[in-house]
C-alpha atoms as a PDB file:
ATOM      1  CA  MET A   1     -63.653   6.640 -31.005  1.00  0.00           C
ATOM      2  CA  ARG A   2     -65.433   9.951 -30.647  1.00  0.00           C
ATOM      3  CA  ILE A   3     -68.981   8.566 -30.971  1.00  0.00           C
ATOM      4  CA  VAL A   4     -70.157   5.157 -29.720  1.00  0.00           C
ATOM      5  CA  VAL A   5     -73.665   3.694 -29.800  1.00  0.00           C
ATOM      6  CA  LEU A   6     -74.858   0.903 -27.491  1.00  0.00           C
ATOM      7  CA  ALA A   7     -78.209  -0.356 -28.779  1.00  0.00           C
ATOM      8  CA  GLY A   8     -80.037  -2.733 -26.449  1.00  0.00           C
ATOM      9  CA  ASN A   9     -81.725  -3.050 -23.043  1.00  0.00           C
ATOM     10  CA  ASP A  10     -79.664  -5.754 -21.335  1.00  0.00           C
ATOM     11  CA  ASP A  11     -79.081  -4.639 -17.726  1.00  0.00           C
ATOM     12  CA  TYR A  12     -75.742  -6.416 -17.579  1.00  0.00           C
ATOM     13  CA  LEU A  13     -74.257  -5.995 -21.060  1.00  0.00           C
ATOM     14  CA  VAL A  14     -74.984  -2.264 -21.443  1.00  0.00           C
ATOM     15  CA  PRO A  15     -73.106  -1.332 -18.217  1.00  0.00           C
ATOM     16  CA  HIS A  16     -70.424  -3.894 -19.140  1.00  0.00           C
ATOM     17  CA  TRP A  17     -69.700  -2.276 -22.510  1.00  0.00           C
ATOM     18  CA  THR A  18     -69.878   1.179 -20.934  1.00  0.00           C
ATOM     19  CA  LYS A  19     -67.217   0.115 -18.447  1.00  0.00           C
ATOM     20  CA  ARG A  20     -65.086  -1.307 -21.254  1.00  0.00           C
ATOM     21  CA  LEU A  21     -65.293   2.034 -23.081  1.00  0.00           C
ATOM     22  CA  MET A  22     -64.334   3.963 -19.948  1.00  0.00           C
ATOM     23  CA  GLU A  23     -61.345   1.666 -19.370  1.00  0.00           C
ATOM     24  CA  ALA A  24     -60.199   2.205 -22.966  1.00  0.00           C
ATOM     25  CA  LEU A  25     -60.508   5.982 -22.611  1.00  0.00           C
ATOM     26  CA  GLU A  26     -58.605   5.963 -19.325  1.00  0.00           C
ATOM     27  CA  ALA A  27     -55.839   3.895 -20.893  1.00  0.00           C
ATOM     28  CA  GLU A  28     -55.595   6.413 -23.724  1.00  0.00           C
ATOM     29  CA  HIS A  29     -56.133   9.716 -21.896  1.00  0.00           C
ATOM     30  CA  GLY A  30     -55.628   9.060 -18.210  1.00  0.00           C
ATOM     31  CA  GLU A  31     -58.285  10.600 -15.984  1.00  0.00           C
ATOM     32  CA  ILE A  32     -61.670  11.222 -17.631  1.00  0.00           C
ATOM     33  CA  GLU A  33     -64.801  13.123 -16.621  1.00  0.00           C
ATOM     34  CA  ARG A  34     -68.202  11.494 -17.138  1.00  0.00           C
ATOM     35  CA  PHE A  35     -71.454  13.393 -17.680  1.00  0.00           C
ATOM     36  CA  ASP A  36     -74.831  11.583 -17.921  1.00  0.00           C
ATOM     37  CA  PHE A  37     -77.967  13.020 -19.517  1.00  0.00           C
ATOM     38  CA  ASP A  38     -81.541  11.741 -19.770  1.00  0.00           C
ATOM     39  CA  GLY A  39     -82.320  11.601 -23.473  1.00  0.00           C
ATOM     40  CA  ASP A  40     -86.023  12.375 -23.214  1.00  0.00           C
ATOM     41  CA  ARG A  41     -85.383  15.556 -21.197  1.00  0.00           C
ATOM     42  CA  ILE A  42     -82.099  17.090 -22.356  1.00  0.00           C
ATOM     43  CA  ALA A  43     -81.977  19.583 -25.223  1.00  0.00           C
ATOM     44  CA  PRO A  44     -79.593  18.843 -28.138  1.00  0.00           C
ATOM     45  CA  ALA A  45     -77.836  22.178 -27.626  1.00  0.00           C
ATOM     46  CA  ASP A  46     -76.960  21.252 -24.022  1.00  0.00           C
ATOM     47  CA  VAL A  47     -75.371  17.977 -25.138  1.00  0.00           C
ATOM     48  CA  LEU A  48     -73.349  19.685 -27.846  1.00  0.00           C
ATOM     49  CA  ASP A  49     -72.247  22.436 -25.445  1.00  0.00           C
ATOM     50  CA  GLU A  50     -70.985  19.816 -23.017  1.00  0.00           C
ATOM     51  CA  LEU A  51     -69.120  17.967 -25.764  1.00  0.00           C
ATOM     52  CA  ARG A  52     -67.395  21.127 -26.983  1.00  0.00           C
ATOM     53  CA  SER A  53     -66.609  22.818 -23.666  1.00  0.00           C
ATOM     54  CA  LEU A  54     -63.268  22.157 -22.003  1.00  0.00           C
ATOM     55  CA  GLY A  55     -63.316  20.362 -18.657  1.00  0.00           C
ATOM     56  CA  LEU A  56     -61.520  21.269 -15.470  1.00  0.00           C
ATOM     57  CA  LEU A  57     -57.756  20.933 -16.103  1.00  0.00           C
ATOM     58  CA  GLN A  58     -58.804  19.723 -19.577  1.00  0.00           C
ATOM     59  CA  PRO A  59     -59.303  15.978 -18.903  1.00  0.00           C
ATOM     60  CA  HIS A  60     -61.025  13.884 -21.550  1.00  0.00           C
ATOM     61  CA  LYS A  61     -64.816  13.870 -21.316  1.00  0.00           C
ATOM     62  CA  LEU A  62     -67.279  11.019 -21.680  1.00  0.00           C
ATOM     63  CA  VAL A  63     -70.756  12.390 -22.395  1.00  0.00           C
ATOM     64  CA  VAL A  64     -73.444   9.718 -21.979  1.00  0.00           C
ATOM     65  CA  VAL A  65     -76.955  10.193 -23.374  1.00  0.00           C
ATOM     66  CA  ASN A  66     -79.312   7.565 -21.956  1.00  0.00           C
ATOM     67  CA  ARG A  67     -82.519   6.761 -23.822  1.00  0.00           C
ATOM     68  CA  ALA A  68     -80.875   8.073 -26.938  1.00  0.00           C
ATOM     69  CA  ASP A  69     -83.675   6.620 -29.060  1.00  0.00           C
ATOM     70  CA  MET A  70     -85.992   9.163 -27.446  1.00  0.00           C
ATOM     71  CA  PHE A  71     -83.367  11.877 -27.895  1.00  0.00           C
ATOM     72  CA  LEU A  72     -83.115  11.157 -31.610  1.00  0.00           C
ATOM     73  CA  ALA A  73     -86.796  10.375 -32.188  1.00  0.00           C
ATOM     74  CA  SER A  74     -88.105  11.739 -35.441  1.00  0.00           C
ATOM     75  CA  GLY A  75     -90.842  14.318 -35.228  1.00  0.00           C
ATOM     76  CA  LYS A  76     -91.416  18.011 -35.342  1.00  0.00           C
ATOM     77  CA  GLY A  77     -89.248  20.678 -33.863  1.00  0.00           C
ATOM     78  CA  GLU A  78     -86.363  20.016 -31.533  1.00  0.00           C
ATOM     79  CA  ARG A  79     -86.646  16.198 -31.544  1.00  0.00           C
ATOM     80  CA  ASN A  80     -86.085  16.103 -35.275  1.00  0.00           C
ATOM     81  CA  ALA A  81     -83.304  18.677 -34.935  1.00  0.00           C
ATOM     82  CA  ALA A  82     -81.359  16.448 -32.539  1.00  0.00           C
ATOM     83  CA  ARG A  83     -80.544  13.894 -35.237  1.00  0.00           C
ATOM     84  CA  GLN A  84     -79.610  16.592 -37.728  1.00  0.00           C
ATOM     85  CA  LEU A  85     -77.360  18.355 -35.218  1.00  0.00           C
ATOM     86  CA  LEU A  86     -75.575  15.117 -34.300  1.00  0.00           C
ATOM     87  CA  GLU A  87     -75.088  14.246 -37.963  1.00  0.00           C
ATOM     88  CA  LYS A  88     -73.413  17.624 -38.405  1.00  0.00           C
ATOM     89  CA  TYR A  89     -71.373  17.206 -35.198  1.00  0.00           C
ATOM     90  CA  ALA A  90     -70.166  13.797 -36.358  1.00  0.00           C
ATOM     91  CA  GLN A  91     -68.504  15.420 -39.357  1.00  0.00           C
ATOM     92  CA  SER A  92     -66.072  17.201 -37.025  1.00  0.00           C
ATOM     93  CA  PRO A  93     -66.292  15.805 -33.460  1.00  0.00           C
ATOM     94  CA  CYS A  94     -64.392  17.359 -30.588  1.00  0.00           C
ATOM     95  CA  GLU A  95     -61.084  15.601 -29.928  1.00  0.00           C
ATOM     96  CA  ALA A  96     -61.372  16.138 -26.173  1.00  0.00           C
ATOM     97  CA  SER A  97     -64.735  14.388 -25.840  1.00  0.00           C
ATOM     98  CA  THR A  98     -66.395  11.040 -26.526  1.00  0.00           C
ATOM     99  CA  LEU A  99     -70.159  10.779 -26.989  1.00  0.00           C
ATOM    100  CA  LEU A 100     -71.864   7.567 -25.856  1.00  0.00           C
ATOM    101  CA  LEU A 101     -75.445   7.084 -27.043  1.00  0.00           C
ATOM    102  CA  ARG A 102     -77.258   4.338 -25.068  1.00  0.00           C
ATOM    103  CA  ALA A 103     -80.518   3.406 -26.777  1.00  0.00           C
ATOM    104  CA  GLY A 104     -83.072   0.675 -26.234  1.00  0.00           C
ATOM    105  CA  THR A 105     -83.726   0.543 -29.974  1.00  0.00           C
ATOM    106  CA  TRP A 106     -81.758   1.939 -32.882  1.00  0.00           C
ATOM    107  CA  ARG A 107     -83.014   2.963 -36.321  1.00  0.00           C
ATOM    108  CA  LYS A 108     -80.392   2.942 -39.029  1.00  0.00           C
ATOM    109  CA  GLY A 109     -79.953   6.250 -40.843  1.00  0.00           C
ATOM    110  CA  LYS A 110     -77.493   8.887 -42.005  1.00  0.00           C
ATOM    111  CA  LEU A 111     -76.029   9.151 -38.512  1.00  0.00           C
ATOM    112  CA  ASP A 112     -74.738   5.574 -38.787  1.00  0.00           C
ATOM    113  CA  LYS A 113     -72.682   6.432 -41.859  1.00  0.00           C
ATOM    114  CA  ALA A 114     -71.356   9.565 -40.193  1.00  0.00           C
ATOM    115  CA  ILE A 115     -70.289   7.576 -37.107  1.00  0.00           C
ATOM    116  CA  GLU A 116     -68.623   4.873 -39.204  1.00  0.00           C
ATOM    117  CA  ALA A 117     -66.820   7.509 -41.292  1.00  0.00           C
ATOM    118  CA  ILE A 118     -64.982   8.837 -38.202  1.00  0.00           C
ATOM    119  CA  GLY A 119     -64.121   5.375 -36.852  1.00  0.00           C
ATOM    120  CA  GLY A 120     -66.890   5.253 -34.284  1.00  0.00           C
ATOM    121  CA  ALA A 121     -68.770   2.132 -33.239  1.00  0.00           C
ATOM    122  CA  ILE A 122     -72.395   0.990 -33.254  1.00  0.00           C
ATOM    123  CA  ILE A 123     -72.748  -2.026 -30.978  1.00  0.00           C
ATOM    124  CA  LYS A 124     -76.084  -3.839 -31.082  1.00  0.00           C
ATOM    125  CA  ILE A 125     -76.533  -5.764 -27.849  1.00  0.00           C
ATOM    126  CA  LYS A 126     -78.621  -8.921 -27.981  1.00  0.00           C
ATOM    127  CA  PRO A 127     -79.364 -11.406 -25.190  1.00  0.00           C
ATOM    128  CA  LEU A 128     -77.090 -14.437 -25.232  1.00  0.00           C
ATOM    129  CA  SER A 129     -78.388 -17.797 -26.400  1.00  0.00           C
ATOM    130  CA  GLU A 130     -78.707 -20.587 -23.818  1.00  0.00           C
ATOM    131  CA  PRO A 131     -75.434 -22.324 -24.875  1.00  0.00           C
ATOM    132  CA  ASP A 132     -73.564 -18.998 -24.784  1.00  0.00           C
ATOM    133  CA  THR A 133     -75.092 -18.201 -21.385  1.00  0.00           C
ATOM    134  CA  LEU A 134     -73.888 -21.555 -20.012  1.00  0.00           C
ATOM    135  CA  ARG A 135     -70.351 -20.817 -21.198  1.00  0.00           C
ATOM    136  CA  TRP A 136     -70.581 -17.314 -19.734  1.00  0.00           C
ATOM    137  CA  ILE A 137     -71.645 -18.706 -16.348  1.00  0.00           C
ATOM    138  CA  HIS A 138     -68.565 -20.921 -16.061  1.00  0.00           C
ATOM    139  CA  ALA A 139     -66.181 -18.148 -17.144  1.00  0.00           C
ATOM    140  CA  ARG A 140     -67.820 -15.475 -14.988  1.00  0.00           C
ATOM    141  CA  ALA A 141     -67.898 -17.653 -11.870  1.00  0.00           C
ATOM    142  CA  GLU A 142     -64.222 -18.487 -12.162  1.00  0.00           C
ATOM    143  CA  LYS A 143     -62.981 -15.025 -13.110  1.00  0.00           C
ATOM    144  CA  GLU A 144     -65.124 -12.742 -10.957  1.00  0.00           C
ATOM    145  CA  HIS A 145     -66.389 -14.914  -8.089  1.00  0.00           C
ATOM    146  CA  ASN A 146     -63.501 -17.359  -7.628  1.00  0.00           C
ATOM    147  CA  ALA A 147     -65.933 -20.255  -7.902  1.00  0.00           C
ATOM    148  CA  THR A 148     -66.495 -23.365  -9.984  1.00  0.00           C
ATOM    149  CA  VAL A 149     -69.935 -24.336 -11.306  1.00  0.00           C
ATOM    150  CA  THR A 150     -71.016 -27.824 -12.306  1.00  0.00           C
ATOM    151  CA  GLN A 151     -72.739 -28.149 -15.661  1.00  0.00           C
ATOM    152  CA  ALA A 152     -75.968 -29.263 -13.975  1.00  0.00           C
ATOM    153  CA  ALA A 153     -75.881 -26.196 -11.701  1.00  0.00           C
ATOM    154  CA  ALA A 154     -75.329 -23.880 -14.671  1.00  0.00           C
ATOM    155  CA  GLN A 155     -78.278 -25.467 -16.461  1.00  0.00           C
ATOM    156  CA  ARG A 156     -80.434 -25.007 -13.341  1.00  0.00           C
ATOM    157  CA  LEU A 157     -79.519 -21.314 -13.236  1.00  0.00           C
ATOM    158  CA  VAL A 158     -80.508 -20.818 -16.867  1.00  0.00           C
ATOM    159  CA  ARG A 159     -83.812 -22.589 -16.293  1.00  0.00           C
ATOM    160  CA  ARG A 160     -84.576 -20.431 -13.250  1.00  0.00           C
ATOM    161  CA  CYS A 161     -83.162 -17.083 -14.355  1.00  0.00           C
ATOM    162  CA  GLY A 162     -83.403 -17.333 -18.127  1.00  0.00           C
ATOM    163  CA  THR A 163     -80.559 -15.617 -19.980  1.00  0.00           C
ATOM    164  CA  VAL A 164     -80.770 -12.464 -17.825  1.00  0.00           C
ATOM    165  CA  LEU A 165     -77.071 -12.004 -17.055  1.00  0.00           C
ATOM    166  CA  ALA A 166     -77.553  -9.385 -14.332  1.00  0.00           C
ATOM    167  CA  ARG A 167     -79.713 -11.753 -12.285  1.00  0.00           C
ATOM    168  CA  ILE A 168     -77.449 -14.743 -12.940  1.00  0.00           C
ATOM    169  CA  ASP A 169     -74.405 -12.736 -11.857  1.00  0.00           C
ATOM    170  CA  ALA A 170     -76.124 -11.772  -8.593  1.00  0.00           C
ATOM    171  CA  GLU A 171     -76.983 -15.425  -7.953  1.00  0.00           C
ATOM    172  CA  LEU A 172     -73.408 -16.502  -8.709  1.00  0.00           C
ATOM    173  CA  ALA A 173     -72.050 -14.017  -6.175  1.00  0.00           C
ATOM    174  CA  LYS A 174     -74.470 -15.302  -3.523  1.00  0.00           C
ATOM    175  CA  LEU A 175     -73.921 -18.994  -4.280  1.00  0.00           C
ATOM    176  CA  GLY A 176     -70.144 -18.633  -4.496  1.00  0.00           C
ATOM    177  CA  ALA A 177     -70.052 -17.239  -0.973  1.00  0.00           C
ATOM    178  CA  MET A 178     -72.436 -19.895   0.373  1.00  0.00           C
ATOM    179  CA  GLY A 179     -70.694 -22.814  -1.287  1.00  0.00           C
ATOM    180  CA  ASP A 180     -67.164 -21.709  -0.416  1.00  0.00           C
ATOM    181  CA  GLY A 181     -66.316 -21.497  -4.115  1.00  0.00           C
ATOM    182  CA  ALA A 182     -68.102 -24.666  -5.249  1.00  0.00           C
ATOM    183  CA  ILE A 183     -71.554 -24.348  -6.818  1.00  0.00           C
ATOM    184  CA  ASP A 184     -73.535 -27.497  -7.572  1.00  0.00           C
ATOM    185  CA  GLU A 185     -77.170 -28.214  -8.418  1.00  0.00           C
ATOM    186  CA  ILE A 186     -78.028 -28.955  -4.775  1.00  0.00           C
ATOM    187  CA  LEU A 187     -76.936 -25.456  -3.776  1.00  0.00           C
ATOM    188  CA  VAL A 188     -78.899 -23.911  -6.644  1.00  0.00           C
ATOM    189  CA  ASP A 189     -82.050 -25.870  -5.745  1.00  0.00           C
ATOM    190  CA  ALA A 190     -81.786 -24.743  -2.128  1.00  0.00           C
ATOM    191  CA  HIS A 191     -81.182 -21.031  -2.676  1.00  0.00           C
ATOM    192  CA  VAL A 192     -82.448 -19.974  -6.129  1.00  0.00           C
ATOM    193  CA  PRO A 193     -86.267 -19.869  -6.343  1.00  0.00           C
ATOM    194  CA  MET A 194     -87.897 -21.597  -9.277  1.00  0.00           C
ATOM    195  CA  SER A 195     -89.711 -19.566 -11.880  1.00  0.00           C
ATOM    196  CA  LYS A 196     -93.401 -20.230 -12.382  1.00  0.00           C
ATOM    197  CA  GLU A 197     -92.633 -21.909 -15.685  1.00  0.00           C
ATOM    198  CA  GLU A 198     -90.049 -24.246 -14.145  1.00  0.00           C
ATOM    199  CA  LYS A 199     -92.467 -25.311 -11.411  1.00  0.00           C
ATOM    200  CA  ALA A 200     -94.767 -26.626 -14.140  1.00  0.00           C
ATOM    201  CA  TRP A 201     -91.911 -28.736 -15.501  1.00  0.00           C
ATOM    202  CA  ILE A 202     -91.742 -30.701 -12.226  1.00  0.00           C
ATOM    203  CA  ILE A 203     -94.525 -32.861 -13.649  1.00  0.00           C
ATOM    204  CA  GLN A 204     -91.999 -34.286 -16.107  1.00  0.00           C
ATOM    205  CA  ASP A 205     -89.740 -35.557 -13.319  1.00  0.00           C
ATOM    206  CA  ALA A 206     -92.732 -37.059 -11.516  1.00  0.00           C
ATOM    207  CA  ILE A 207     -93.887 -38.992 -14.604  1.00  0.00           C
ATOM    208  CA  LEU A 208     -90.421 -40.158 -15.651  1.00  0.00           C
ATOM    209  CA  GLU A 209     -89.131 -41.170 -12.240  1.00  0.00           C
ATOM    210  CA  GLY A 210     -92.123 -41.656  -9.918  1.00  0.00           C
ATOM    211  CA  GLY A 211     -94.781 -43.437 -11.932  1.00  0.00           C
ATOM    212  CA  ALA A 212     -98.527 -42.846 -12.162  1.00  0.00           C
ATOM    213  CA  ALA A 213     -99.236 -42.391  -8.431  1.00  0.00           C
ATOM    214  CA  ALA A 214     -96.436 -39.858  -7.912  1.00  0.00           C
ATOM    215  CA  ALA A 215     -97.369 -38.062 -11.122  1.00  0.00           C
ATOM    216  CA  LEU A 216    -101.000 -37.670 -10.101  1.00  0.00           C
ATOM    217  CA  THR A 217    -100.042 -36.456  -6.602  1.00  0.00           C
ATOM    218  CA  THR A 218     -97.615 -33.937  -8.088  1.00  0.00           C
ATOM    219  CA  LEU A 219    -100.228 -32.760 -10.566  1.00  0.00           C
ATOM    220  CA  ARG A 220    -102.790 -32.106  -7.838  1.00  0.00           C
ATOM    221  CA  GLY A 221    -100.220 -30.156  -5.832  1.00  0.00           C
ATOM    222  CA  LEU A 222     -99.278 -28.027  -8.857  1.00  0.00           C
ATOM    223  CA  LEU A 223    -102.913 -27.296  -9.678  1.00  0.00           C
ATOM    224  CA  ASP A 224    -104.358 -26.818  -6.186  1.00  0.00           C
ATOM    225  CA  VAL A 225    -101.419 -25.466  -4.166  1.00  0.00           C
ATOM    226  CA  SER A 226     -99.102 -23.752  -6.660  1.00  0.00           C
ATOM    227  CA  ARG A 227    -102.020 -22.619  -8.828  1.00  0.00           C
ATOM    228  CA  GLN A 228    -100.228 -23.596 -12.005  1.00  0.00           C
ATOM    229  CA  SER A 229    -101.966 -23.165 -15.340  1.00  0.00           C
ATOM    230  CA  ASP A 230    -103.450 -26.373 -16.737  1.00  0.00           C
ATOM    231  CA  VAL A 231    -102.443 -25.132 -20.201  1.00  0.00           C
ATOM    232  CA  LEU A 232     -98.784 -24.838 -19.168  1.00  0.00           C
ATOM    233  CA  LEU A 233     -98.853 -28.225 -17.435  1.00  0.00           C
ATOM    234  CA  SER A 234    -100.432 -29.864 -20.479  1.00  0.00           C
ATOM    235  CA  TRP A 235     -97.710 -28.382 -22.650  1.00  0.00           C
ATOM    236  CA  ALA A 236     -95.018 -29.658 -20.248  1.00  0.00           C
ATOM    237  CA  VAL A 237     -96.400 -33.221 -20.508  1.00  0.00           C
ATOM    238  CA  THR A 238     -96.654 -33.008 -24.292  1.00  0.00           C
ATOM    239  CA  ASP A 239     -93.133 -31.613 -24.589  1.00  0.00           C
ATOM    240  CA  MET A 240     -91.818 -34.480 -22.464  1.00  0.00           C
ATOM    241  CA  VAL A 241     -93.442 -37.033 -24.787  1.00  0.00           C
ATOM    242  CA  ARG A 242     -92.089 -35.183 -27.815  1.00  0.00           C
ATOM    243  CA  ARG A 243     -88.528 -35.346 -26.508  1.00  0.00           C
ATOM    244  CA  LEU A 244     -88.895 -38.972 -25.478  1.00  0.00           C
ATOM    245  CA  HIS A 245     -90.148 -39.877 -28.960  1.00  0.00           C
ATOM    246  CA  ALA A 246     -87.299 -37.966 -30.622  1.00  0.00           C
ATOM    247  CA  ALA A 247     -84.762 -39.623 -28.296  1.00  0.00           C
ATOM    248  CA  ALA A 248     -86.144 -43.094 -29.088  1.00  0.00           C
ATOM    249  CA  CYS A 249     -85.886 -42.423 -32.832  1.00  0.00           C
ATOM    250  CA  MET A 250     -82.332 -41.115 -32.488  1.00  0.00           C
ATOM    251  CA  LYS A 251     -81.387 -44.074 -30.307  1.00  0.00           C
ATOM    252  CA  ARG A 252     -82.657 -46.478 -32.981  1.00  0.00           C
ATOM    253  CA  ALA A 253     -80.533 -44.581 -35.507  1.00  0.00           C
ATOM    254  CA  GLY A 254     -77.397 -45.157 -33.415  1.00  0.00           C
ATOM    255  CA  ALA A 255     -77.073 -41.838 -31.565  1.00  0.00           C
ATOM    256  CA  GLY A 256     -75.233 -41.892 -28.248  1.00  0.00           C
ATOM    257  CA  PRO A 257     -76.133 -40.171 -24.944  1.00  0.00           C
ATOM    258  CA  ALA A 258     -73.989 -37.114 -25.722  1.00  0.00           C
ATOM    259  CA  ASP A 259     -75.759 -36.603 -29.046  1.00  0.00           C
ATOM    260  CA  LEU A 260     -79.148 -36.936 -27.375  1.00  0.00           C
ATOM    261  CA  ARG A 261     -78.299 -34.402 -24.662  1.00  0.00           C
ATOM    262  CA  LYS A 262     -76.990 -31.845 -27.123  1.00  0.00           C
ATOM    263  CA  SER A 263     -79.744 -32.179 -29.733  1.00  0.00           C
ATOM    264  CA  LEU A 264     -82.711 -32.404 -27.363  1.00  0.00           C
ATOM    265  CA  LYS A 265     -81.348 -30.289 -24.465  1.00  0.00           C
ATOM    266  CA  LEU A 266     -81.787 -33.097 -21.961  1.00  0.00           C
ATOM    267  CA  TRP A 267     -80.686 -31.769 -18.571  1.00  0.00           C
ATOM    268  CA  GLY A 268     -80.692 -33.060 -15.026  1.00  0.00           C
ATOM    269  CA  GLY A 269     -82.626 -36.018 -13.680  1.00  0.00           C
ATOM    270  CA  SER A 270     -85.424 -35.874 -16.255  1.00  0.00           C
ATOM    271  CA  GLY A 271     -82.816 -35.820 -19.014  1.00  0.00           C
ATOM    272  CA  ASP A 272     -81.103 -38.918 -17.620  1.00  0.00           C
ATOM    273  CA  ALA A 273     -84.452 -40.696 -17.312  1.00  0.00           C
ATOM    274  CA  THR A 274     -85.374 -39.766 -20.886  1.00  0.00           C
ATOM    275  CA  ILE A 275     -82.139 -41.229 -22.216  1.00  0.00           C
ATOM    276  CA  ARG A 276     -82.650 -44.449 -20.239  1.00  0.00           C
ATOM    277  CA  LEU A 277     -86.219 -44.841 -21.453  1.00  0.00           C
ATOM    278  CA  ALA A 278     -85.340 -44.016 -25.059  1.00  0.00           C
ATOM    279  CA  GLY A 279     -83.692 -47.407 -25.493  1.00  0.00           C
ATOM    280  CA  ARG A 280     -86.675 -49.299 -24.052  1.00  0.00           C
ATOM    281  CA  CYS A 281     -89.616 -47.488 -25.653  1.00  0.00           C
ATOM    282  CA  ASP A 282     -90.996 -48.223 -29.114  1.00  0.00           C
ATOM    283  CA  PRO A 283     -90.944 -45.054 -31.278  1.00  0.00           C
ATOM    284  CA  ALA A 284     -94.281 -46.027 -32.860  1.00  0.00           C
ATOM    285  CA  THR A 285     -95.910 -46.302 -29.431  1.00  0.00           C
ATOM    286  CA  LEU A 286     -94.520 -42.913 -28.458  1.00  0.00           C
ATOM    287  CA  ALA A 287     -95.701 -41.375 -31.745  1.00  0.00           C
ATOM    288  CA  ALA A 288     -99.233 -42.570 -31.008  1.00  0.00           C
ATOM    289  CA  LEU A 289     -98.960 -41.220 -27.464  1.00  0.00           C
ATOM    290  CA  LEU A 290     -97.825 -37.842 -28.787  1.00  0.00           C
ATOM    291  CA  ASP A 291    -100.843 -37.794 -31.106  1.00  0.00           C
ATOM    292  CA  ARG A 292    -103.112 -38.402 -28.111  1.00  0.00           C
ATOM    293  CA  CYS A 293    -101.442 -35.546 -26.200  1.00  0.00           C
ATOM    294  CA  LEU A 294    -101.988 -33.127 -29.071  1.00  0.00           C
ATOM    295  CA  ALA A 295    -105.568 -34.326 -29.584  1.00  0.00           C
ATOM    296  CA  SER A 296    -106.297 -33.773 -25.885  1.00  0.00           C
ATOM    297  CA  GLN A 297    -104.993 -30.207 -26.067  1.00  0.00           C
ATOM    298  CA  ALA A 298    -107.031 -29.545 -29.204  1.00  0.00           C
ATOM    299  CA  ARG A 299    -110.236 -30.791 -27.557  1.00  0.00           C
ATOM    300  CA  VAL A 300    -109.712 -28.570 -24.512  1.00  0.00           C
ATOM    301  CA  ARG A 301    -109.019 -25.530 -26.682  1.00  0.00           C
ATOM    302  CA  ARG A 302    -112.272 -26.135 -28.541  1.00  0.00           C
ATOM    303  CA  GLY A 303    -114.136 -26.201 -25.238  1.00  0.00           C
ATOM    304  CA  PHE A 304    -114.851 -29.929 -24.965  1.00  0.00           C
ATOM    305  CA  GLY A 305    -114.608 -31.447 -21.492  1.00  0.00           C
ATOM    306  CA  ARG A 306    -113.127 -30.159 -18.251  1.00  0.00           C
ATOM    307  CA  PRO A 307    -109.486 -29.052 -18.670  1.00  0.00           C
ATOM    308  CA  GLN A 308    -108.197 -30.400 -15.332  1.00  0.00           C
ATOM    309  CA  LEU A 309    -109.944 -33.751 -15.764  1.00  0.00           C
ATOM    310  CA  ALA A 310    -108.526 -34.058 -19.273  1.00  0.00           C
ATOM    311  CA  LEU A 311    -105.080 -33.260 -17.891  1.00  0.00           C
ATOM    312  CA  GLU A 312    -105.379 -35.940 -15.204  1.00  0.00           C
ATOM    313  CA  ARG A 313    -106.305 -38.531 -17.822  1.00  0.00           C
ATOM    314  CA  LEU A 314    -103.414 -37.408 -20.000  1.00  0.00           C
ATOM    315  CA  VAL A 315    -100.906 -37.711 -17.139  1.00  0.00           C
ATOM    316  CA  LEU A 316    -102.142 -41.183 -16.246  1.00  0.00           C
ATOM    317  CA  ASP A 317    -102.012 -42.244 -19.886  1.00  0.00           C
ATOM    318  CA  VAL A 318     -98.425 -41.047 -20.328  1.00  0.00           C
ATOM    319  CA  ALA A 319     -97.284 -42.446 -16.968  1.00  0.00           C
ATOM    320  CA  GLY A 320     -98.763 -45.813 -17.901  1.00  0.00           C
ATOM    321  CA  VAL A 321     -96.709 -45.994 -21.104  1.00  0.00           C
ATOM    322  CA  VAL A 322     -93.556 -44.979 -19.222  1.00  0.00           C
ATOM    323  CA  GLU A 323     -94.112 -47.553 -16.468  1.00  0.00           C
ATOM    324  CA  ALA A 324     -94.771 -50.306 -19.039  1.00  0.00           C
ATOM    325  CA  ALA A 325     -91.385 -49.637 -20.616  1.00  0.00           C
END
């Protein structure tokens, strides 16, 4: 491949695919020389000169243009010329060089057809989904960090780090060393800080497992100490009721625990509690409770009542239904 495009901003996947390209070039040509350019500063002529000039002892060259979307941006003068010059270069690329265009965004155009015509590649990098990230965590930990990760620990990492692979990989390296190759949820809880969003979700565990008193104490701590948003906390309570209602309906329809976990993404202690309660709660009662949750949110959004007081009442209402089950 004489021209390759990596389109995306992922801080792990872009370097990963760049490394894969370099390994492929080294396997084909032996030693290679790499030259990096900043796409919003370099002139098109300088890039083309580098591609066409012979290197020391004539090794194969890898010419990398970062921020290639800026380099190829349409407009007047030289910026517009860059795309035209590369389209022309792609018709007869230098055999001793490979051009790698790394762009945050990529607009399809004539250059795509020119790249495809010479057997090049346009790789559009997208963040992994949560299920794919979980699978990646297990494979990455075993292959690169000589560690094993429990499913609960992997789920904790996704909740705390999102699907940002670069951050997850850094945490895996740290946890693998701390846990002597074994990473469980206890280790994750102790050494990976919670995101602000996950802290709000603690209210779910308090309601499901601690009852009304524990739920109210947790709520006050989240509001007064952690300074959590009452809007986010209200959504966390409503989402918990939504999942509990869905689980109860599925349970009545004959679904097993595995089906509930997969369909509703029930993880950790709150997930276990939801599955236990699903068999004891009446779906109609939960449907009415969900209506009350949504009505409470609607009233607050319209400016009726005090948001924190409404949230306290909502938590006590939901906790009461859970305790009665």
